[in-house]
C-alpha atoms as a PDB file:
ATOM      1  CA  MET A   1      -0.295  -0.089  -0.171  1.00  0.00           C
ATOM      2  CA  ALA A   2       1.632   3.470  -0.628  1.00  0.00           C
ATOM      3  CA  GLU A   3       2.322   6.162   1.273  1.00  0.00           C
ATOM      4  CA  PRO A   4      -0.416   8.908   2.068  1.00  0.00           C
ATOM      5  CA  LEU A   5       1.003  12.085  -0.850  1.00  0.00           C
ATOM      6  CA  VAL A   6       0.949  15.193   1.114  1.00  0.00           C
ATOM      7  CA  VAL A   7       0.920  18.422  -1.102  1.00  0.00           C
ATOM      8  CA  GLN A   8       1.380  21.408   1.306  1.00  0.00           C
ATOM      9  CA  PHE A   9       1.858  25.126   0.417  1.00  0.00           C
ATOM     10  CA  ARG A  10       5.019  26.459  -0.023  1.00  0.00           C
ATOM     11  CA  PRO A  11       6.095  29.054   2.183  1.00  0.00           C
ATOM     12  CA  GLU A  12       6.607  31.945   0.481  1.00  0.00           C
ATOM     13  CA  ALA A  13       3.274  31.111  -1.211  1.00  0.00           C
ATOM     14  CA  ARG A  14       1.372  31.363   1.979  1.00  0.00           C
ATOM     15  CA  ARG A  15       2.974  34.464   2.862  1.00  0.00           C
ATOM     16  CA  ASP A  16       2.192  36.372  -0.039  1.00  0.00           C
ATOM     17  CA  PHE A  17      -1.712  34.606   0.483  1.00  0.00           C
ATOM     18  CA  GLN A  18      -1.528  36.597   4.271  1.00  0.00           C
ATOM     19  CA  ARG A  19      -0.768  39.436   2.408  1.00  0.00           C
ATOM     20  CA  ARG A  20      -3.000  39.658  -0.083  1.00  0.00           C
ATOM     21  CA  ALA A  21      -5.501  38.897   2.202  1.00  0.00           C
ATOM     22  CA  SER A  22      -5.110  41.086   5.208  1.00  0.00           C
ATOM     23  CA  ARG A  23      -4.405  44.302   2.359  1.00  0.00           C
ATOM     24  CA  ASP A  24      -8.251  43.499   0.139  1.00  0.00           C
ATOM     25  CA  PRO A  25     -10.719  44.051   3.391  1.00  0.00           C
ATOM     26  CA  GLN A  26      -9.175  46.948   5.047  1.00  0.00           C
ATOM     27  CA  ARG A  27      -8.895  48.441   1.260  1.00  0.00           C
ATOM     28  CA  ARG A  28     -12.666  48.025   0.709  1.00  0.00           C
ATOM     29  CA  GLY A  29     -13.991  49.298   3.994  1.00  0.00           C
ATOM     30  CA  ARG A  30     -11.381  52.157   3.953  1.00  0.00           C
ATOM     31  CA  ALA A  31     -12.828  53.225   0.042  1.00  0.00           C
ATOM     32  CA  ALA A  32     -16.480  52.453   1.564  1.00  0.00           C
ATOM     33  CA  ILE A  33     -16.006  54.886   4.245  1.00  0.00           C
ATOM     34  CA  ALA A  34     -14.785  57.290   1.766  1.00  0.00           C
ATOM     35  CA  LEU A  35     -17.570  56.701  -0.685  1.00  0.00           C
ATOM     36  CA  ALA A  36     -20.215  57.193   2.713  1.00  0.00           C
ATOM     37  CA  ALA A  37     -18.735  60.597   3.443  1.00  0.00           C
ATOM     38  CA  LEU A  38     -18.283  62.259  -0.152  1.00  0.00           C
ATOM     39  CA  LEU A  39     -22.518  60.645  -0.133  1.00  0.00           C
ATOM     40  CA  ALA A  40     -23.332  62.499   2.994  1.00  0.00           C
ATOM     41  CA  LEU A  41     -21.799  65.669   1.727  1.00  0.00           C
ATOM     42  CA  LEU A  42     -23.803  65.476  -1.730  1.00  0.00           C
ATOM     43  CA  VAL A  43     -26.756  65.474   0.565  1.00  0.00           C
ATOM     44  CA  LEU A  44     -25.994  67.601   3.771  1.00  0.00           C
ATOM     45  CA  VAL A  45     -24.657  70.234   1.182  1.00  0.00           C
ATOM     46  CA  PRO A  46     -27.403  70.978  -0.216  1.00  0.00           C
ATOM     47  CA  TRP A  47     -29.619  70.861   2.512  1.00  0.00           C
ATOM     48  CA  VAL A  48     -28.146  73.466   4.065  1.00  0.00           C
ATOM     49  CA  ALA A  49     -27.917  75.663   1.592  1.00  0.00           C
ATOM     50  CA  ALA A  50     -31.588  75.086   0.763  1.00  0.00           C
ATOM     51  CA  ASN A  51     -32.143  75.968   4.073  1.00  0.00           C
ATOM     52  CA  ALA A  52     -30.056  78.951   4.645  1.00  0.00           C
ATOM     53  CA  VAL A  53     -31.659  80.896   1.456  1.00  0.00           C
ATOM     54  CA  ARG A  54     -35.084  79.782   1.821  1.00  0.00           C
ATOM     55  CA  GLY A  55     -35.566  79.291   5.461  1.00  0.00           C
ATOM     56  CA  PHE A  56     -35.896  75.936   7.354  1.00  0.00           C
ATOM     57  CA  GLU A  57     -39.060  73.755   5.961  1.00  0.00           C
ATOM     58  CA  PRO A  58     -40.566  70.782   7.757  1.00  0.00           C
ATOM     59  CA  ARG A  59     -40.408  68.973   4.496  1.00  0.00           C
ATOM     60  CA  SER A  60     -36.730  69.692   3.865  1.00  0.00           C
ATOM     61  CA  LEU A  61     -36.008  66.560   6.191  1.00  0.00           C
ATOM     62  CA  LEU A  62     -37.190  64.178   3.295  1.00  0.00           C
ATOM     63  CA  LEU A  63     -33.879  64.687   2.405  1.00  0.00           C
ATOM     64  CA  LEU A  64     -32.152  63.629   5.190  1.00  0.00           C
ATOM     65  CA  ALA A  65     -33.599  60.403   4.510  1.00  0.00           C
ATOM     66  CA  PHE A  66     -31.436  60.126   1.645  1.00  0.00           C
ATOM     67  CA  LEU A  67     -28.294  59.645   4.482  1.00  0.00           C
ATOM     68  CA  VAL A  68     -29.861  55.883   5.078  1.00  0.00           C
ATOM     69  CA  ALA A  69     -27.184  54.379   2.273  1.00  0.00           C
ATOM     70  CA  PRO A  70     -24.322  56.687   3.671  1.00  0.00           C
ATOM     71  CA  ALA A  71     -24.448  55.648   7.432  1.00  0.00           C
ATOM     72  CA  ALA A  72     -24.906  52.115   5.733  1.00  0.00           C
ATOM     73  CA  LEU A  73     -22.216  51.823   3.823  1.00  0.00           C
ATOM     74  CA  LEU A  74     -19.722  53.164   7.175  1.00  0.00           C
ATOM     75  CA  VAL A  75     -21.299  50.372   9.112  1.00  0.00           C
ATOM     76  CA  TRP A  76     -20.063  47.950   6.490  1.00  0.00           C
ATOM     77  CA  GLY A  77     -16.609  49.486   6.044  1.00  0.00           C
ATOM     78  CA  ARG A  78     -15.741  50.065   9.878  1.00  0.00           C
ATOM     79  CA  ARG A  79     -17.049  45.611   9.393  1.00  0.00           C
ATOM     80  CA  LYS A  80     -14.651  45.468   6.846  1.00  0.00           C
ATOM     81  CA  ILE A  81     -11.989  47.356   8.312  1.00  0.00           C
ATOM     82  CA  GLU A  82     -12.529  44.574  11.981  1.00  0.00           C
ATOM     83  CA  ASP A  83     -12.776  41.785   9.828  1.00  0.00           C
ATOM     84  CA  ARG A  84      -9.795  38.940  10.712  1.00  0.00           C
ATOM     85  CA  PRO A  85      -8.371  37.634   7.352  1.00  0.00           C
ATOM     86  CA  ALA A  86      -8.438  34.601   5.866  1.00  0.00           C
ATOM     87  CA  VAL A  87      -5.751  32.176   6.210  1.00  0.00           C
ATOM     88  CA  LEU A  88      -4.385  29.471   4.605  1.00  0.00           C
ATOM     89  CA  GLY A  89      -3.554  26.027   5.861  1.00  0.00           C
ATOM     90  CA  SER A  90      -0.200  24.563   5.141  1.00  0.00           C
ATOM     91  CA  VAL A  91      -1.542  21.341   3.423  1.00  0.00           C
ATOM     92  CA  ALA A  92      -3.254  22.069   0.271  1.00  0.00           C
ATOM     93  CA  PHE A  93      -4.773  18.301  -0.460  1.00  0.00           C
ATOM     94  CA  VAL A  94      -3.823  14.431   0.658  1.00  0.00           C
ATOM     95  CA  VAL A  95      -3.791  11.844  -1.972  1.00  0.00           C
ATOM     96  CA  THR A  96      -4.309   8.546  -0.642  1.00  0.00           C
ATOM     97  CA  ALA A  97      -4.641   5.048  -2.463  1.00  0.00           C
ATOM     98  CA  ASP A  98      -8.307   5.462  -2.819  1.00  0.00           C
ATOM     99  CA  GLU A  99      -9.280   9.617  -2.078  1.00  0.00           C
ATOM    100  CA  ILE A 100      -8.178  12.899  -2.139  1.00  0.00           C
ATOM    101  CA  ARG A 101      -8.599  14.754   0.723  1.00  0.00           C
ATOM    102  CA  PHE A 102      -8.930  18.474  -0.023  1.00  0.00           C
ATOM    103  CA  GLU A 103      -8.402  21.286   2.591  1.00  0.00           C
ATOM    104  CA  PRO A 104     -10.558  24.105   3.166  1.00  0.00           C
ATOM    105  CA  LEU A 105      -9.270  26.553   0.382  1.00  0.00           C
ATOM    106  CA  PRO A 106     -10.235  30.354   1.221  1.00  0.00           C
ATOM    107  CA  SER A 107     -10.468  33.012  -1.014  1.00  0.00           C
ATOM    108  CA  ALA A 108      -7.647  35.862  -0.675  1.00  0.00           C
ATOM    109  CA  ASN A 109      -9.888  38.397  -2.097  1.00  0.00           C
ATOM    110  CA  SER A 110     -13.370  38.529   0.482  1.00  0.00           C
ATOM    111  CA  ALA A 111     -15.624  39.116  -2.353  1.00  0.00           C
ATOM    112  CA  LEU A 112     -14.743  35.854  -3.563  1.00  0.00           C
ATOM    113  CA  VAL A 113     -16.518  32.430  -2.192  1.00  0.00           C
ATOM    114  CA  ASP A 114     -14.010  29.993  -0.212  1.00  0.00           C
ATOM    115  CA  ALA A 115     -13.548  26.229  -1.432  1.00  0.00           C
ATOM    116  CA  PRO A 116     -15.208  23.885   1.285  1.00  0.00           C
ATOM    117  CA  ALA A 117     -13.458  21.021   2.396  1.00  0.00           C
ATOM    118  CA  GLU A 118     -14.202  17.463   0.444  1.00  0.00           C
ATOM    119  CA  VAL A 119     -13.533  14.593  -0.104  1.00  0.00           C
ATOM    120  CA  TRP A 120     -12.527  12.877  -3.973  1.00  0.00           C
ATOM    121  CA  PRO A 121     -12.716   9.150  -4.714  1.00  0.00           C
ATOM    122  CA  VAL A 122      -9.289   8.874  -6.780  1.00  0.00           C
ATOM    123  CA  ALA A 123     -11.286   7.080  -9.375  1.00  0.00           C
ATOM    124  CA  GLY A 124     -13.230   9.692 -11.550  1.00  0.00           C
ATOM    125  CA  THR A 125     -10.941  12.191 -11.425  1.00  0.00           C
ATOM    126  CA  THR A 126      -9.100  13.647 -13.826  1.00  0.00           C
ATOM    127  CA  VAL A 127      -5.720  15.865 -13.677  1.00  0.00           C
ATOM    128  CA  GLU A 128      -4.194  17.839 -15.901  1.00  0.00           C
ATOM    129  CA  VAL A 129      -1.180  20.461 -15.980  1.00  0.00           C
ATOM    130  CA  ARG A 130      -2.170  23.650 -18.212  1.00  0.00           C
ATOM    131  CA  PRO A 131       0.433  26.214 -19.041  1.00  0.00           C
ATOM    132  CA  SER A 132      -0.537  29.714 -18.380  1.00  0.00           C
ATOM    133  CA  ARG A 133       2.387  32.459 -19.785  1.00  0.00           C
ATOM    134  CA  VAL A 134       0.668  34.741 -17.301  1.00  0.00           C
ATOM    135  CA  VAL A 135       0.136  33.287 -13.693  1.00  0.00           C
ATOM    136  CA  GLY A 136       2.579  29.824 -14.587  1.00  0.00           C
ATOM    137  CA  ASP A 137       1.278  25.807 -15.094  1.00  0.00           C
ATOM    138  CA  ARG A 138      -1.769  25.044 -13.279  1.00  0.00           C
ATOM    139  CA  LEU A 139      -2.669  21.673 -11.680  1.00  0.00           C
ATOM    140  CA  VAL A 140      -6.220  21.513 -12.409  1.00  0.00           C
ATOM    141  CA  LEU A 141      -8.376  18.904 -10.767  1.00  0.00           C
ATOM    142  CA  ARG A 142     -11.633  17.731 -11.893  1.00  0.00           C
ATOM    143  CA  ARG A 143     -14.521  15.626 -11.179  1.00  0.00           C
ATOM    144  CA  ALA A 144     -17.769  15.056 -13.088  1.00  0.00           C
ATOM    145  CA  GLY A 145     -20.630  17.334 -11.035  1.00  0.00           C
ATOM    146  CA  VAL A 146     -18.350  18.710  -8.724  1.00  0.00           C
ATOM    147  CA  ARG A 147     -16.693  21.801  -8.980  1.00  0.00           C
ATOM    148  CA  ARG A 148     -12.905  22.186 -10.208  1.00  0.00           C
ATOM    149  CA  ARG A 149      -9.978  23.035  -7.891  1.00  0.00           C
ATOM    150  CA  VAL A 150      -6.825  24.531  -9.370  1.00  0.00           C
ATOM    151  CA  TYR A 151      -4.289  25.020  -7.760  1.00  0.00           C
ATOM    152  CA  LEU A 152      -0.848  26.806  -9.537  1.00  0.00           C
ATOM    153  CA  ALA A 153       2.049  24.635  -9.510  1.00  0.00           C
ATOM    154  CA  ALA A 154       4.473  26.906  -8.337  1.00  0.00           C
ATOM    155  CA  THR A 155       2.697  27.582  -4.984  1.00  0.00           C
ATOM    156  CA  LEU A 156       2.887  23.670  -4.492  1.00  0.00           C
ATOM    157  CA  ASP A 157       5.703  21.988  -2.435  1.00  0.00           C
ATOM    158  CA  VAL A 158       5.403  18.605  -4.831  1.00  0.00           C
ATOM    159  CA  PRO A 159       5.967  19.263  -8.233  1.00  0.00           C
ATOM    160  CA  ALA A 160       3.010  18.613 -10.227  1.00  0.00           C
ATOM    161  CA  GLU A 161       4.656  16.094 -12.849  1.00  0.00           C
ATOM    162  CA  ARG A 162       4.017  13.364  -9.476  1.00  0.00           C
ATOM    163  CA  ILE A 163       0.691  14.368  -8.839  1.00  0.00           C
ATOM    164  CA  THR A 164      -0.553  13.722 -12.228  1.00  0.00           C
ATOM    165  CA  SER A 165       1.886  10.342 -12.088  1.00  0.00           C
ATOM    166  CA  ARG A 166       0.198   9.276  -8.669  1.00  0.00           C
ATOM    167  CA  LEU A 167      -3.682  10.381  -9.903  1.00  0.00           C
ATOM    168  CA  SER A 168      -3.202   8.591 -13.419  1.00  0.00           C
ATOM    169  CA  GLY A 169      -1.850   5.419 -11.317  1.00  0.00           C
ATOM    170  CA  ARG A 170       1.826   5.301 -12.951  1.00  0.00           C
ATOM    171  CA  SER A 171       4.469   4.892 -10.620  1.00  0.00           C
ATOM    172  CA  GLN A 172       6.287   8.091  -8.852  1.00  0.00           C
END
């Protein structure tokens, strides 16, 4: 019986992920707060000017209802700034004789969905290495009826050829 093949992320890939994951919510939060301030000014300046020129009228209070959107943006922006960044685990997946155990794969972009932990049988799983000029080689694992898993080959500590040969049944 073959020993399980544990595929881990390289330390530099984990550091790069942490850098990107911690920057994204902060940037979105600051942008939302800036947009909230701009929208609030766009509502308040005309309201103050209209009340200064024509005098206060109770129906002008209706314009202040438009401050709901900036208030909601402010709350959302503060939550984004306080969000804890996603953490990438050290293990990407484990290949045993009959199954592939995927660890949860968080997204560095907080707007995208994280990939949950899953277990796939080796039988019926296809694997290929796709070259790309932009990001380098990608390891693509597919199973019918399930979403695919894609890993950049440069981020894994095991060569893509070894993973491909292990999953296709050839000797390592």
